[in-house]
Amino acid sequence: MAEIKKFEEALSELETVVKKLEGDVPLDEAIEDFKRGVELSKLCFESLKSEKGKLELLVDDINKLTEEFKLD
């Protein structure tokens, strides 16, 4: 559950950074915001990649279970 909260918080902050960068921001501030946005997008990507792996394991388990029922 902490992983989901972490993802949602990072995504929310990333959306805020993007909206800020769409406005009129001084260059030095825009560069720092862009760096933060890259960090947040990496965090979101890694979180999604981790969750995808967990889902794939669950699907594999379900497929094995259904195969056992088909054999009987």
N, C-alpha and C. Protein backbone atom coordinates (compact mmCIF):
# COMPACT_ATOMS: atom_id res chain seq x y z
N MET A 1 0.82 -1.20 0.00
CA MET A 1 0.00 0.00 0.00
C MET A 1 0.86 1.27 0.00
N ALA A 2 1.99 1.18 0.68
CA ALA A 2 2.90 2.34 0.72
C ALA A 2 3.42 2.65 -0.68
N GLU A 3 3.63 1.61 -1.49
CA GLU A 3 4.11 1.80 -2.86
C GLU A 3 3.10 2.61 -3.67
N ILE A 4 1.82 2.31 -3.50
CA ILE A 4 0.78 3.03 -4.23
C ILE A 4 0.74 4.49 -3.80
N LYS A 5 0.79 4.73 -2.51
CA LYS A 5 0.76 6.10 -2.01
C LYS A 5 1.97 6.87 -2.52
N LYS A 6 3.11 6.24 -2.50
CA LYS A 6 4.34 6.87 -2.98
C LYS A 6 4.19 7.23 -4.46
N PHE A 7 3.63 6.31 -5.26
CA PHE A 7 3.42 6.56 -6.68
C PHE A 7 2.47 7.72 -6.89
N GLU A 8 1.34 7.69 -6.19
CA GLU A 8 0.34 8.75 -6.35
C GLU A 8 0.88 10.11 -5.95
N GLU A 9 1.66 10.15 -4.88
CA GLU A 9 2.26 11.41 -4.45
C GLU A 9 3.27 11.91 -5.49
N ALA A 10 4.08 11.01 -6.01
CA ALA A 10 5.07 11.40 -7.02
C ALA A 10 4.38 11.88 -8.29
N LEU A 11 3.33 11.18 -8.70
CA LEU A 11 2.61 11.57 -9.91
C LEU A 11 1.95 12.94 -9.73
N SER A 12 1.38 13.17 -8.57
CA SER A 12 0.75 14.45 -8.27
C SER A 12 1.78 15.58 -8.31
N GLU A 13 2.93 15.35 -7.70
CA GLU A 13 3.98 16.37 -7.72
C GLU A 13 4.50 16.59 -9.14
N LEU A 14 4.61 15.51 -9.91
CA LEU A 14 5.06 15.63 -11.29
C LEU A 14 4.08 16.48 -12.10
N GLU A 15 2.79 16.28 -11.90
CA GLU A 15 1.78 17.08 -12.60
C GLU A 15 1.93 18.56 -12.23
N THR A 16 2.21 18.83 -10.97
CA THR A 16 2.41 20.21 -10.52
C THR A 16 3.63 20.83 -11.18
N VAL A 17 4.71 20.05 -11.27
CA VAL A 17 5.94 20.54 -11.91
C VAL A 17 5.69 20.84 -13.38
N VAL A 18 4.98 19.96 -14.05
CA VAL A 18 4.70 20.16 -15.48
C VAL A 18 3.87 21.43 -15.69
N LYS A 19 2.84 21.61 -14.88
CA LYS A 19 2.01 22.82 -15.00
C LYS A 19 2.85 24.08 -14.77
N LYS A 20 3.74 24.01 -13.80
CA LYS A 20 4.60 25.16 -13.51
C LYS A 20 5.51 25.47 -14.70
N LEU A 21 6.07 24.40 -15.31
CA LEU A 21 6.97 24.58 -16.44
C LEU A 21 6.25 25.09 -17.69
N GLU A 22 4.95 24.87 -17.74
CA GLU A 22 4.18 25.37 -18.89
C GLU A 22 3.98 26.88 -18.81
N GLY A 23 4.24 27.44 -17.64
CA GLY A 23 4.09 28.88 -17.45
C GLY A 23 5.39 29.62 -17.72
N ASP A 24 5.42 30.85 -17.27
CA ASP A 24 6.59 31.70 -17.44
C ASP A 24 7.49 31.56 -16.22
N VAL A 25 8.54 30.77 -16.36
CA VAL A 25 9.45 30.47 -15.25
C VAL A 25 10.86 30.89 -15.64
N PRO A 26 11.58 31.54 -14.73
CA PRO A 26 12.97 31.89 -15.02
C PRO A 26 13.79 30.63 -15.36
N LEU A 27 14.76 30.79 -16.22
CA LEU A 27 15.53 29.65 -16.73
C LEU A 27 16.14 28.80 -15.63
N ASP A 28 16.81 29.41 -14.66
CA ASP A 28 17.46 28.62 -13.61
C ASP A 28 16.44 27.82 -12.80
N GLU A 29 15.28 28.41 -12.55
CA GLU A 29 14.22 27.72 -11.83
C GLU A 29 13.62 26.60 -12.69
N ALA A 30 13.48 26.87 -13.98
CA ALA A 30 12.94 25.87 -14.91
C ALA A 30 13.86 24.66 -14.99
N ILE A 31 15.15 24.88 -14.97
CA ILE A 31 16.12 23.77 -15.03
C ILE A 31 15.99 22.91 -13.78
N GLU A 32 15.91 23.54 -12.63
CA GLU A 32 15.75 22.79 -11.38
C GLU A 32 14.43 22.03 -11.36
N ASP A 33 13.36 22.66 -11.82
CA ASP A 33 12.07 21.99 -11.88
C ASP A 33 12.11 20.81 -12.86
N PHE A 34 12.79 21.02 -13.98
CA PHE A 34 12.91 19.94 -14.96
C PHE A 34 13.65 18.74 -14.36
N LYS A 35 14.74 19.01 -13.64
CA LYS A 35 15.49 17.93 -12.97
C LYS A 35 14.58 17.18 -12.00
N ARG A 36 13.81 17.93 -11.23
CA ARG A 36 12.89 17.29 -10.27
C ARG A 36 11.85 16.45 -11.03
N GLY A 37 11.36 16.96 -12.14
CA GLY A 37 10.40 16.22 -12.94
C GLY A 37 10.97 14.91 -13.46
N VAL A 38 12.22 14.93 -13.88
CA VAL A 38 12.88 13.71 -14.35
C VAL A 38 12.99 12.70 -13.21
N GLU A 39 13.38 13.17 -12.03
CA GLU A 39 13.48 12.27 -10.87
C GLU A 39 12.12 11.65 -10.55
N LEU A 40 11.08 12.47 -10.57
CA LEU A 40 9.74 11.97 -10.26
C LEU A 40 9.24 10.99 -11.32
N SER A 41 9.53 11.27 -12.58
CA SER A 41 9.09 10.36 -13.63
C SER A 41 9.81 9.01 -13.52
N LYS A 42 11.08 9.02 -13.14
CA LYS A 42 11.82 7.77 -12.92
C LYS A 42 11.19 6.98 -11.78
N LEU A 43 10.86 7.69 -10.69
CA LEU A 43 10.25 7.03 -9.55
C LEU A 43 8.91 6.39 -9.95
N CYS A 44 8.10 7.12 -10.70
CA CYS A 44 6.81 6.59 -11.17
C CYS A 44 7.02 5.38 -12.07
N PHE A 45 7.98 5.47 -12.98
CA PHE A 45 8.24 4.36 -13.89
C PHE A 45 8.67 3.11 -13.14
N GLU A 46 9.59 3.27 -12.19
CA GLU A 46 10.06 2.13 -11.41
C GLU A 46 8.93 1.52 -10.58
N SER A 47 8.09 2.35 -10.05
CA SER A 47 6.94 1.86 -9.27
C SER A 47 6.00 1.06 -10.16
N LEU A 48 5.71 1.57 -11.34
CA LEU A 48 4.83 0.85 -12.27
C LEU A 48 5.47 -0.45 -12.74
N LYS A 49 6.77 -0.42 -12.97
CA LYS A 49 7.48 -1.62 -13.40
C LYS A 49 7.42 -2.69 -12.31
N SER A 50 7.57 -2.28 -11.08
CA SER A 50 7.49 -3.21 -9.95
C SER A 50 6.10 -3.82 -9.83
N GLU A 51 5.09 -2.97 -9.94
CA GLU A 51 3.71 -3.45 -9.83
C GLU A 51 3.36 -4.36 -11.01
N LYS A 52 3.89 -4.07 -12.18
CA LYS A 52 3.65 -4.92 -13.35
C LYS A 52 4.18 -6.33 -13.09
N GLY A 53 5.38 -6.40 -12.51
CA GLY A 53 5.97 -7.70 -12.18
C GLY A 53 5.11 -8.48 -11.20
N LYS A 54 4.57 -7.79 -10.20
CA LYS A 54 3.70 -8.45 -9.23
C LYS A 54 2.43 -8.96 -9.90
N LEU A 55 1.87 -8.16 -10.79
CA LEU A 55 0.65 -8.57 -11.50
C LEU A 55 0.92 -9.77 -12.41
N GLU A 56 2.06 -9.76 -13.06
CA GLU A 56 2.41 -10.89 -13.93
C GLU A 56 2.51 -12.18 -13.13
N LEU A 57 3.09 -12.11 -11.93
CA LEU A 57 3.17 -13.30 -11.08
C LEU A 57 1.78 -13.79 -10.68
N LEU A 58 0.89 -12.87 -10.34
CA LEU A 58 -0.48 -13.26 -9.99
C LEU A 58 -1.20 -13.89 -11.16
N VAL A 59 -1.04 -13.33 -12.34
CA VAL A 59 -1.68 -13.89 -13.54
C VAL A 59 -1.12 -15.28 -13.83
N ASP A 60 0.17 -15.46 -13.68
CA ASP A 60 0.77 -16.78 -13.87
C ASP A 60 0.18 -17.80 -12.90
N ASP A 61 0.02 -17.38 -11.64
CA ASP A 61 -0.58 -18.27 -10.64
C ASP A 61 -2.01 -18.64 -11.02
N ILE A 62 -2.76 -17.67 -11.46
CA ILE A 62 -4.15 -17.93 -11.87
C ILE A 62 -4.18 -18.86 -13.07
N ASN A 63 -3.30 -18.64 -14.03
CA ASN A 63 -3.25 -19.50 -15.22
C ASN A 63 -2.90 -20.94 -14.84
N LYS A 64 -1.96 -21.11 -13.93
CA LYS A 64 -1.59 -22.46 -13.49
C LYS A 64 -2.76 -23.14 -12.79
N LEU A 65 -3.46 -22.39 -11.98
CA LEU A 65 -4.61 -22.93 -11.27
C LEU A 65 -5.71 -23.35 -12.25
N THR A 66 -5.98 -22.54 -13.24
CA THR A 66 -7.02 -22.89 -14.21
C THR A 66 -6.60 -24.08 -15.06
N GLU A 67 -5.31 -24.20 -15.33
CA GLU A 67 -4.82 -25.36 -16.08
C GLU A 67 -5.03 -26.63 -15.27
N GLU A 68 -4.84 -26.57 -13.96
CA GLU A 68 -5.06 -27.73 -13.11
C GLU A 68 -6.52 -28.17 -13.17
N PHE A 69 -7.43 -27.23 -13.22
CA PHE A 69 -8.84 -27.57 -13.32
C PHE A 69 -9.18 -28.20 -14.67
N LYS A 70 -8.49 -27.75 -15.72
CA LYS A 70 -8.74 -28.30 -17.06
C LYS A 70 -8.27 -29.75 -17.15
N LEU A 71 -7.21 -30.09 -16.41
CA LEU A 71 -6.67 -31.44 -16.47
C LEU A 71 -7.56 -32.45 -15.77
N ASP A 72 -8.31 -32.02 -14.78
CA ASP A 72 -9.14 -32.94 -14.01
C ASP A 72 -10.40 -33.34 -14.73
